[in-house]
Amino acid sequence: MKLREVAELLEAQFLNLEDEGDREIESACAADLLSDILAIKGGPALTVTSNVAPQVVRVAEVMGIPAILYVRGKRPAEEKVVDWATGNGIVLLSTPIPTFEACGRLYLKGIRCSEGKYL
């Protein structure tokens, strides 16, 4: 599924890198604890989270995660976090939809949890 389709499906707004909307994702995970994200082998293509701490972008960078979806209308408070993500090619999206519903919609469209393999 293309990130543009994810944005449409989840009523999400691109916070940066909208020109990367054709980037494909096949897997996702939902987590607010960074340790949970770090425990996924291979890293998901999309992280769904309500955690707006700058460290989320850092974890995405380390894990090679190309996109982060902030739920419940959340977004990073500091513009430098968006700039940092942009500089590292990490797409940031924000949706007003809660985590459970966002994950359900993605699941119905065939997006699965990064092979379900944990370290």
Protein backbone atom coordinates (compact mmCIF):
# COMPACT_ATOMS: atom_id res chain seq x y z
CA MET A 1 0.00 0.00 0.00
CA LYS A 2 1.32 3.45 -0.86
CA LEU A 3 1.71 6.03 1.91
CA ARG A 4 -0.67 8.28 -0.03
CA GLU A 5 -3.30 5.52 0.26
CA VAL A 6 -2.56 5.14 3.97
CA ALA A 7 -3.11 8.88 4.41
CA GLU A 8 -6.42 8.72 2.56
CA LEU A 9 -7.59 5.60 4.40
CA LEU A 10 -6.76 7.08 7.80
CA GLU A 11 -7.72 10.70 7.10
CA ALA A 12 -4.09 11.56 7.82
CA GLN A 13 -2.09 14.64 6.99
CA PHE A 14 1.52 14.54 5.83
CA LEU A 15 3.69 16.55 8.22
CA ASN A 16 6.63 16.32 5.83
CA LEU A 17 7.85 14.61 2.66
CA GLU A 18 4.46 14.50 0.95
CA ASP A 19 6.33 13.89 -2.30
CA GLU A 20 7.18 10.44 -0.87
CA GLY A 21 3.51 9.43 -1.02
CA ASP A 22 4.25 6.72 -3.58
CA ARG A 23 6.50 4.87 -1.13
CA GLU A 24 5.15 1.35 -0.52
CA ILE A 25 4.60 -0.18 2.90
CA GLU A 26 3.73 -3.80 3.57
CA SER A 27 3.97 -4.00 7.34
CA ALA A 28 3.29 -1.94 10.43
CA CYS A 29 3.40 -2.05 14.20
CA ALA A 30 1.61 -0.08 16.87
CA ALA A 31 3.59 0.79 19.96
CA ASP A 32 4.15 3.64 22.34
CA LEU A 33 7.08 2.00 24.12
CA LEU A 34 10.27 2.38 22.13
CA SER A 35 11.56 -0.93 23.48
CA ASP A 36 8.61 -2.66 21.78
CA ILE A 37 9.56 -1.14 18.44
CA LEU A 38 13.21 -2.06 18.91
CA ALA A 39 12.20 -5.68 19.62
CA ILE A 40 10.72 -6.25 16.15
CA LYS A 41 13.05 -8.11 13.79
CA GLY A 42 13.71 -6.27 10.59
CA GLY A 43 11.60 -3.31 11.63
CA PRO A 44 8.16 -2.50 10.27
CA ALA A 45 7.63 -0.12 7.38
CA LEU A 46 5.21 2.00 9.42
CA THR A 47 5.10 2.72 13.13
CA VAL A 48 1.71 3.69 14.54
CA THR A 49 2.10 5.58 17.82
CA SER A 50 0.79 8.27 20.11
CA ASN A 51 4.29 8.86 21.48
CA VAL A 52 5.50 12.23 20.18
CA ALA A 53 8.88 12.18 21.91
CA PRO A 54 11.82 13.02 19.62
CA GLN A 55 13.28 9.58 20.38
CA VAL A 56 10.57 7.95 18.23
CA VAL A 57 12.18 9.47 15.15
CA ARG A 58 15.61 8.37 16.36
CA VAL A 59 14.38 4.77 16.79
CA ALA A 60 12.87 4.90 13.30
CA GLU A 61 16.23 6.05 11.96
CA VAL A 62 18.12 3.28 13.76
CA MET A 63 15.61 0.59 12.71
CA GLY A 64 15.30 1.77 9.11
CA ILE A 65 11.60 2.53 9.53
CA PRO A 66 10.57 4.83 6.68
CA ALA A 67 7.31 6.22 8.13
CA ILE A 68 5.66 7.14 11.42
CA LEU A 69 1.92 7.63 11.89
CA TYR A 70 0.91 9.69 14.92
CA VAL A 71 -2.63 8.91 16.09
CA ARG A 72 -5.33 10.94 17.89
CA GLY A 73 -4.21 14.13 16.15
CA LYS A 74 -0.83 14.11 17.83
CA ARG A 75 2.28 15.54 16.23
CA PRO A 76 5.77 16.42 17.39
CA ALA A 77 5.78 19.65 19.42
CA GLU A 78 9.10 20.83 18.04
CA GLU A 79 9.65 21.67 14.39
CA LYS A 80 13.24 20.45 14.71
CA VAL A 81 11.87 16.90 15.15
CA VAL A 82 10.06 17.21 11.81
CA ASP A 83 13.23 18.66 10.26
CA TRP A 84 15.30 15.78 11.66
CA ALA A 85 12.85 13.22 10.25
CA THR A 86 12.89 15.00 6.88
CA GLY A 87 16.68 15.00 6.82
CA ASN A 88 16.65 11.25 7.42
CA GLY A 89 13.93 10.50 4.85
CA ILE A 90 11.35 9.47 7.47
CA VAL A 91 7.78 10.37 6.50
CA LEU A 92 5.60 11.70 9.31
CA LEU A 93 1.80 11.47 9.19
CA SER A 94 -0.85 12.53 11.69
CA THR A 95 -4.40 11.17 11.92
CA PRO A 96 -7.26 12.12 14.24
CA ILE A 97 -8.20 8.43 14.43
CA PRO A 98 -7.30 6.41 17.57
CA THR A 99 -4.72 3.61 17.46
CA PHE A 100 -7.16 0.69 17.56
CA GLU A 101 -9.22 1.95 14.64
CA ALA A 102 -6.18 2.96 12.59
CA CYS A 103 -4.69 -0.52 13.00
CA GLY A 104 -8.01 -2.14 12.14
CA ARG A 105 -8.32 -0.17 8.93
CA LEU A 106 -4.74 -1.02 7.93
CA TYR A 107 -5.30 -4.71 8.74
CA LEU A 108 -8.41 -4.85 6.58
CA LYS A 109 -6.31 -3.51 3.69
CA GLY A 110 -3.71 -6.27 4.09
CA ILE A 111 -1.08 -4.55 6.22
CA ARG A 112 0.35 -6.99 8.76
CA CYS A 113 2.71 -6.79 11.71
CA SER A 114 6.27 -7.06 10.48
CA GLU A 115 6.10 -10.85 10.12
CA GLY A 116 5.23 -11.04 13.82
CA LYS A 117 8.82 -11.94 14.68
CA TYR A 118 10.21 -10.51 17.87
CA LEU A 119 13.72 -10.70 19.24
